[in-house]
């Protein structure tokens, strides 16, 4: 058996287990879900879900890293993408101000200067990435129209 067949079998088994867990939770009803730990049904299912999520993340990271190192062209393109994303984040952090009075917290106080700068950097980076994506779509559309 090759790896692809084994992975398909594992996916089918995990899917079947997920369906069984879903049916058990739905059969228990809303009251068992609301009470939580008394039944001992929902909490173990949540832990199983966390374990499966962790396993999936480990496998995804392993195969992504394996593919990056076996395909050097892909590695180069990935590093260019990650580097340009890091440049956008650095530019956003430098542009954003650290004015703590700008962000009022829900409790009524103000955010610290570093928190304020990080929030501002997140907003600025979102706007920069939005502008870059819109510009790329406009450029691609204009290039397609001109080439016809």
C-alpha atoms as a PDB file:
ATOM      1  CA  UNK A   1       0.000   0.000   0.000  1.00  0.00           C
ATOM      2  CA  UNK A   2       1.261   3.440  -0.811  1.00  0.00           C
ATOM      3  CA  UNK A   3       1.002   6.525   1.361  1.00  0.00           C
ATOM      4  CA  UNK A   4      -1.942   7.967  -0.568  1.00  0.00           C
ATOM      5  CA  UNK A   5      -4.074   4.882   0.081  1.00  0.00           C
ATOM      6  CA  UNK A   6      -3.180   4.844   3.771  1.00  0.00           C
ATOM      7  CA  UNK A   7      -4.007   8.532   4.138  1.00  0.00           C
ATOM      8  CA  UNK A   8      -7.379   8.025   2.432  1.00  0.00           C
ATOM      9  CA  UNK A   9      -8.187   5.188   4.827  1.00  0.00           C
ATOM     10  CA  UNK A  10      -7.190   7.340   7.823  1.00  0.00           C
ATOM     11  CA  UNK A  11      -9.336  10.217   6.569  1.00  0.00           C
ATOM     12  CA  UNK A  12     -12.301   7.865   6.167  1.00  0.00           C
ATOM     13  CA  UNK A  13     -11.830   6.474   9.684  1.00  0.00           C
ATOM     14  CA  UNK A  14     -11.569   9.960  11.212  1.00  0.00           C
ATOM     15  CA  UNK A  15     -14.643  11.093   9.284  1.00  0.00           C
ATOM     16  CA  UNK A  16     -16.596   8.067  10.494  1.00  0.00           C
ATOM     17  CA  UNK A  17     -15.511   8.731  14.102  1.00  0.00           C
ATOM     18  CA  UNK A  18     -16.584  12.353  13.728  1.00  0.00           C
ATOM     19  CA  UNK A  19     -20.026  11.271  12.545  1.00  0.00           C
ATOM     20  CA  UNK A  20     -20.349   8.875  15.506  1.00  0.00           C
ATOM     21  CA  UNK A  21     -19.361  11.634  17.952  1.00  0.00           C
ATOM     22  CA  UNK A  22     -21.806  14.060  16.345  1.00  0.00           C
ATOM     23  CA  UNK A  23     -24.658  11.559  16.607  1.00  0.00           C
ATOM     24  CA  UNK A  24     -23.826  10.896  20.280  1.00  0.00           C
ATOM     25  CA  UNK A  25     -23.842  14.609  21.103  1.00  0.00           C
ATOM     26  CA  UNK A  26     -27.066  15.242  19.197  1.00  0.00           C
ATOM     27  CA  UNK A  27     -28.716  12.233  20.850  1.00  0.00           C
ATOM     28  CA  UNK A  28     -27.806  13.566  24.302  1.00  0.00           C
ATOM     29  CA  UNK A  29     -29.857  16.696  23.660  1.00  0.00           C
ATOM     30  CA  UNK A  30     -29.474  20.354  24.474  1.00  0.00           C
ATOM     31  CA  UNK A  31     -29.674  19.941  28.239  1.00  0.00           C
ATOM     32  CA  UNK A  32     -26.640  17.651  28.332  1.00  0.00           C
ATOM     33  CA  UNK A  33     -24.704  20.159  26.274  1.00  0.00           C
ATOM     34  CA  UNK A  34     -25.722  23.070  28.529  1.00  0.00           C
ATOM     35  CA  UNK A  35     -24.875  21.259  31.761  1.00  0.00           C
ATOM     36  CA  UNK A  36     -21.508  20.247  30.366  1.00  0.00           C
ATOM     37  CA  UNK A  37     -19.454  18.192  32.786  1.00  0.00           C
ATOM     38  CA  UNK A  38     -22.279  16.324  34.532  1.00  0.00           C
ATOM     39  CA  UNK A  39     -22.844  13.925  31.657  1.00  0.00           C
ATOM     40  CA  UNK A  40     -19.226  13.584  30.760  1.00  0.00           C
ATOM     41  CA  UNK A  41     -20.197  13.385  27.089  1.00  0.00           C
ATOM     42  CA  UNK A  42     -19.332  16.743  25.554  1.00  0.00           C
ATOM     43  CA  UNK A  43     -16.025  17.451  27.322  1.00  0.00           C
ATOM     44  CA  UNK A  44     -14.308  14.221  26.197  1.00  0.00           C
ATOM     45  CA  UNK A  45     -15.528  14.891  22.659  1.00  0.00           C
ATOM     46  CA  UNK A  46     -13.969  18.346  22.797  1.00  0.00           C
ATOM     47  CA  UNK A  47     -10.650  16.858  23.915  1.00  0.00           C
ATOM     48  CA  UNK A  48     -10.795  14.332  21.086  1.00  0.00           C
ATOM     49  CA  UNK A  49     -11.428  17.220  18.683  1.00  0.00           C
ATOM     50  CA  UNK A  50      -8.407  19.087  20.092  1.00  0.00           C
ATOM     51  CA  UNK A  51      -6.191  16.024  19.671  1.00  0.00           C
ATOM     52  CA  UNK A  52      -7.367  15.497  16.093  1.00  0.00           C
ATOM     53  CA  UNK A  53      -6.820  19.195  15.327  1.00  0.00           C
ATOM     54  CA  UNK A  54      -3.296  19.005  16.754  1.00  0.00           C
ATOM     55  CA  UNK A  55      -2.524  15.899  14.683  1.00  0.00           C
ATOM     56  CA  UNK A  56      -3.827  17.529  11.519  1.00  0.00           C
ATOM     57  CA  UNK A  57      -1.744  20.656  12.156  1.00  0.00           C
ATOM     58  CA  UNK A  58       1.397  18.582  12.759  1.00  0.00           C
ATOM     59  CA  UNK A  59       0.874  16.621   9.530  1.00  0.00           C
ATOM     60  CA  UNK A  60       0.127  19.767   7.524  1.00  0.00           C
ATOM     61  CA  UNK A  61       3.225  21.541   8.820  1.00  0.00           C
ATOM     62  CA  UNK A  62       5.381  18.465   8.202  1.00  0.00           C
ATOM     63  CA  UNK A  63       4.283  18.043   4.604  1.00  0.00           C
ATOM     64  CA  UNK A  64       4.444  21.764   3.827  1.00  0.00           C
ATOM     65  CA  UNK A  65       8.001  21.970   5.137  1.00  0.00           C
ATOM     66  CA  UNK A  66       8.944  18.715   3.366  1.00  0.00           C
ATOM     67  CA  UNK A  67       7.541  20.036   0.080  1.00  0.00           C
ATOM     68  CA  UNK A  68       9.319  23.365   0.483  1.00  0.00           C
ATOM     69  CA  UNK A  69      12.709  21.727   0.895  1.00  0.00           C
ATOM     70  CA  UNK A  70      12.219  19.215  -1.921  1.00  0.00           C
ATOM     71  CA  UNK A  71      11.053  21.874  -4.388  1.00  0.00           C
ATOM     72  CA  UNK A  72      13.529  24.777  -4.391  1.00  0.00           C
ATOM     73  CA  UNK A  73      11.459  26.939  -6.760  1.00  0.00           C
ATOM     74  CA  UNK A  74       8.536  26.695  -4.363  1.00  0.00           C
ATOM     75  CA  UNK A  75      10.840  27.581  -1.459  1.00  0.00           C
ATOM     76  CA  UNK A  76      12.063  30.689  -3.275  1.00  0.00           C
ATOM     77  CA  UNK A  77       8.509  31.857  -4.035  1.00  0.00           C
ATOM     78  CA  UNK A  78       7.404  31.186  -0.457  1.00  0.00           C
ATOM     79  CA  UNK A  79      10.328  33.142   0.976  1.00  0.00           C
ATOM     80  CA  UNK A  80       9.550  36.052  -1.356  1.00  0.00           C
ATOM     81  CA  UNK A  81       5.918  36.029  -0.205  1.00  0.00           C
ATOM     82  CA  UNK A  82       6.783  35.796   3.486  1.00  0.00           C
ATOM     83  CA  UNK A  83       9.427  38.501   3.123  1.00  0.00           C
ATOM     84  CA  UNK A  84       7.071  40.894   1.366  1.00  0.00           C
ATOM     85  CA  UNK A  85       4.414  40.238   4.024  1.00  0.00           C
ATOM     86  CA  UNK A  86       7.003  40.995   6.728  1.00  0.00           C
ATOM     87  CA  UNK A  87       7.919  44.242   4.942  1.00  0.00           C
ATOM     88  CA  UNK A  88       4.242  45.266   4.898  1.00  0.00           C
ATOM     89  CA  UNK A  89       3.956  44.510   8.630  1.00  0.00           C
ATOM     90  CA  UNK A  90       7.112  46.488   9.442  1.00  0.00           C
ATOM     91  CA  UNK A  91       5.917  49.455   7.375  1.00  0.00           C
ATOM     92  CA  UNK A  92       2.531  49.298   9.115  1.00  0.00           C
ATOM     93  CA  UNK A  93       4.177  49.205  12.550  1.00  0.00           C
ATOM     94  CA  UNK A  94       6.376  52.203  11.725  1.00  0.00           C
ATOM     95  CA  UNK A  95       3.460  54.192  10.276  1.00  0.00           C
ATOM     96  CA  UNK A  96       1.042  53.483  13.119  1.00  0.00           C
ATOM     97  CA  UNK A  97       1.113  55.809  16.051  1.00  0.00           C
ATOM     98  CA  UNK A  98       1.366  54.735  19.650  1.00  0.00           C
ATOM     99  CA  UNK A  99      -1.148  57.261  20.955  1.00  0.00           C
ATOM    100  CA  UNK A 100      -2.738  55.483  23.909  1.00  0.00           C
ATOM    101  CA  UNK A 101      -5.634  57.938  24.008  1.00  0.00           C
ATOM    102  CA  UNK A 102      -6.860  56.760  20.595  1.00  0.00           C
ATOM    103  CA  UNK A 103      -8.317  53.466  21.792  1.00  0.00           C
ATOM    104  CA  UNK A 104     -10.790  53.466  24.651  1.00  0.00           C
ATOM    105  CA  UNK A 105     -11.237  50.095  26.292  1.00  0.00           C
ATOM    106  CA  UNK A 106     -14.615  48.590  27.114  1.00  0.00           C
ATOM    107  CA  UNK A 107     -13.925  49.062  30.844  1.00  0.00           C
ATOM    108  CA  UNK A 108     -13.538  52.802  30.293  1.00  0.00           C
ATOM    109  CA  UNK A 109      -9.744  53.075  30.484  1.00  0.00           C
ATOM    110  CA  UNK A 110      -7.261  53.545  27.707  1.00  0.00           C
ATOM    111  CA  UNK A 111      -4.986  51.023  26.024  1.00  0.00           C
ATOM    112  CA  UNK A 112      -1.271  51.108  26.748  1.00  0.00           C
ATOM    113  CA  UNK A 113       1.057  52.702  24.230  1.00  0.00           C
ATOM    114  CA  UNK A 114       2.430  49.379  22.966  1.00  0.00           C
ATOM    115  CA  UNK A 115      -1.055  47.867  22.662  1.00  0.00           C
ATOM    116  CA  UNK A 116      -2.218  50.965  20.843  1.00  0.00           C
ATOM    117  CA  UNK A 117       0.689  50.732  18.401  1.00  0.00           C
ATOM    118  CA  UNK A 118       0.041  47.024  17.737  1.00  0.00           C
ATOM    119  CA  UNK A 119      -3.664  47.661  17.128  1.00  0.00           C
ATOM    120  CA  UNK A 120      -2.784  50.520  14.798  1.00  0.00           C
ATOM    121  CA  UNK A 121      -0.238  48.344  12.990  1.00  0.00           C
ATOM    122  CA  UNK A 122      -2.873  45.652  12.500  1.00  0.00           C
ATOM    123  CA  UNK A 123      -5.323  48.142  11.030  1.00  0.00           C
ATOM    124  CA  UNK A 124      -2.729  49.795   8.794  1.00  0.00           C
ATOM    125  CA  UNK A 125      -1.443  46.432   7.560  1.00  0.00           C
ATOM    126  CA  UNK A 126      -5.021  45.384   6.743  1.00  0.00           C
ATOM    127  CA  UNK A 127      -5.539  48.567   4.721  1.00  0.00           C
ATOM    128  CA  UNK A 128      -2.167  48.196   2.970  1.00  0.00           C
ATOM    129  CA  UNK A 129      -2.873  44.574   2.018  1.00  0.00           C
ATOM    130  CA  UNK A 130      -6.358  45.570   0.844  1.00  0.00           C
ATOM    131  CA  UNK A 131      -4.879  48.315  -1.352  1.00  0.00           C
ATOM    132  CA  UNK A 132      -2.240  45.936  -2.733  1.00  0.00           C
ATOM    133  CA  UNK A 133      -4.875  43.305  -3.564  1.00  0.00           C
ATOM    134  CA  UNK A 134      -7.175  45.863  -5.200  1.00  0.00           C
ATOM    135  CA  UNK A 135      -4.261  47.287  -7.185  1.00  0.00           C
ATOM    136  CA  UNK A 136      -3.230  43.809  -8.340  1.00  0.00           C
ATOM    137  CA  UNK A 137      -6.787  43.055  -9.509  1.00  0.00           C
ATOM    138  CA  UNK A 138      -7.032  46.370 -11.356  1.00  0.00           C
ATOM    139  CA  UNK A 139      -3.602  45.846 -12.928  1.00  0.00           C
ATOM    140  CA  UNK A 140      -4.477  42.299 -14.035  1.00  0.00           C
ATOM    141  CA  UNK A 141      -7.799  43.445 -15.500  1.00  0.00           C
ATOM    142  CA  UNK A 142      -6.218  46.372 -17.329  1.00  0.00           C
ATOM    143  CA  UNK A 143      -3.432  44.142 -18.653  1.00  0.00           C
ATOM    144  CA  UNK A 144      -5.985  41.638 -19.955  1.00  0.00           C
ATOM    145  CA  UNK A 145      -8.024  44.396 -21.644  1.00  0.00           C
ATOM    146  CA  UNK A 146      -4.936  45.942 -23.245  1.00  0.00           C
ATOM    147  CA  UNK A 147      -3.630  42.596 -24.508  1.00  0.00           C
ATOM    148  CA  UNK A 148      -6.886  41.840 -26.376  1.00  0.00           C
END
